[in-house]
C-alpha atoms as a PDB file:
ATOM      1  CA  UNK A   1     -17.980  13.726 -19.952  1.00  0.00           C
ATOM      2  CA  UNK A   2     -20.184  15.591 -22.406  1.00  0.00           C
ATOM      3  CA  UNK A   3     -17.547  16.870 -24.830  1.00  0.00           C
ATOM      4  CA  UNK A   4     -16.521  14.961 -27.935  1.00  0.00           C
ATOM      5  CA  UNK A   5     -13.094  14.732 -29.439  1.00  0.00           C
ATOM      6  CA  UNK A   6     -12.032  16.972 -32.327  1.00  0.00           C
ATOM      7  CA  UNK A   7     -12.304  15.664 -35.893  1.00  0.00           C
ATOM      8  CA  UNK A   8      -9.098  17.356 -37.111  1.00  0.00           C
ATOM      9  CA  UNK A   9      -6.273  14.786 -36.716  1.00  0.00           C
ATOM     10  CA  UNK A  10      -3.624  17.255 -35.492  1.00  0.00           C
ATOM     11  CA  UNK A  11      -5.974  18.741 -32.919  1.00  0.00           C
ATOM     12  CA  UNK A  12      -7.079  15.229 -31.934  1.00  0.00           C
ATOM     13  CA  UNK A  13      -3.437  14.278 -31.358  1.00  0.00           C
ATOM     14  CA  UNK A  14      -2.887  17.251 -29.092  1.00  0.00           C
ATOM     15  CA  UNK A  15      -6.091  16.740 -27.107  1.00  0.00           C
ATOM     16  CA  UNK A  16      -5.639  12.981 -26.675  1.00  0.00           C
ATOM     17  CA  UNK A  17      -1.993  13.213 -25.595  1.00  0.00           C
ATOM     18  CA  UNK A  18      -2.815  16.014 -23.150  1.00  0.00           C
ATOM     19  CA  UNK A  19      -5.786  14.152 -21.672  1.00  0.00           C
ATOM     20  CA  UNK A  20      -3.734  10.967 -21.288  1.00  0.00           C
ATOM     21  CA  UNK A  21      -0.870  12.851 -19.674  1.00  0.00           C
ATOM     22  CA  UNK A  22      -2.960  14.973 -17.312  1.00  0.00           C
ATOM     23  CA  UNK A  23      -6.158  13.036 -16.559  1.00  0.00           C
ATOM     24  CA  UNK A  24      -6.492   9.457 -17.773  1.00  0.00           C
ATOM     25  CA  UNK A  25      -2.955   8.008 -17.918  1.00  0.00           C
ATOM     26  CA  UNK A  26      -3.936   5.396 -20.553  1.00  0.00           C
ATOM     27  CA  UNK A  27      -5.739   5.485 -23.870  1.00  0.00           C
ATOM     28  CA  UNK A  28      -8.109   2.755 -22.678  1.00  0.00           C
ATOM     29  CA  UNK A  29      -9.195   4.863 -19.686  1.00  0.00           C
ATOM     30  CA  UNK A  30      -9.803   7.901 -21.902  1.00  0.00           C
ATOM     31  CA  UNK A  31     -11.868   5.870 -24.373  1.00  0.00           C
ATOM     32  CA  UNK A  32     -13.923   4.237 -21.633  1.00  0.00           C
ATOM     33  CA  UNK A  33     -14.708   7.523 -19.899  1.00  0.00           C
ATOM     34  CA  UNK A  34     -15.452   9.431 -23.094  1.00  0.00           C
ATOM     35  CA  UNK A  35     -17.278   6.476 -24.657  1.00  0.00           C
ATOM     36  CA  UNK A  36     -15.251   6.577 -27.870  1.00  0.00           C
ATOM     37  CA  UNK A  37     -13.835   3.733 -29.926  1.00  0.00           C
ATOM     38  CA  UNK A  38     -10.103   3.245 -29.353  1.00  0.00           C
ATOM     39  CA  UNK A  39      -9.610   1.896 -32.890  1.00  0.00           C
ATOM     40  CA  UNK A  40     -11.113   5.045 -34.384  1.00  0.00           C
ATOM     41  CA  UNK A  41      -8.580   7.214 -32.554  1.00  0.00           C
ATOM     42  CA  UNK A  42      -5.678   4.893 -33.382  1.00  0.00           C
ATOM     43  CA  UNK A  43      -6.639   4.675 -37.068  1.00  0.00           C
ATOM     44  CA  UNK A  44      -7.151   8.434 -37.385  1.00  0.00           C
ATOM     45  CA  UNK A  45      -3.745   9.178 -35.894  1.00  0.00           C
ATOM     46  CA  UNK A  46      -2.055   6.456 -37.956  1.00  0.00           C
ATOM     47  CA  UNK A  47      -3.264   8.456 -40.943  1.00  0.00           C
ATOM     48  CA  UNK A  48      -0.902  11.258 -39.908  1.00  0.00           C
ATOM     49  CA  UNK A  49       1.929   8.845 -39.008  1.00  0.00           C
ATOM     50  CA  UNK A  50       1.447   8.617 -35.243  1.00  0.00           C
ATOM     51  CA  UNK A  51       1.361   5.323 -33.351  1.00  0.00           C
ATOM     52  CA  UNK A  52       0.286   4.715 -29.764  1.00  0.00           C
ATOM     53  CA  UNK A  53       3.283   3.800 -27.597  1.00  0.00           C
ATOM     54  CA  UNK A  54       1.902   1.639 -24.779  1.00  0.00           C
ATOM     55  CA  UNK A  55       5.047   1.979 -22.675  1.00  0.00           C
ATOM     56  CA  UNK A  56       4.992   5.790 -22.808  1.00  0.00           C
ATOM     57  CA  UNK A  57       1.189   6.110 -22.860  1.00  0.00           C
ATOM     58  CA  UNK A  58       1.200   8.619 -25.688  1.00  0.00           C
ATOM     59  CA  UNK A  59       1.077   8.898 -29.446  1.00  0.00           C
ATOM     60  CA  UNK A  60       4.520   9.375 -30.975  1.00  0.00           C
END
């Protein structure tokens, strides 16, 4: 995939949750396909009080 993820945390949250729900089904799969660091996404979204829920496969 040629497109990067947004830098804005709220937009990142929306894009990541949508991509996980509709295309990738796990954060690991999204990160592998898009060649992005999982910790970067997790840390960015922790900054706006969202945590990745492994059982639900989404940030809540």
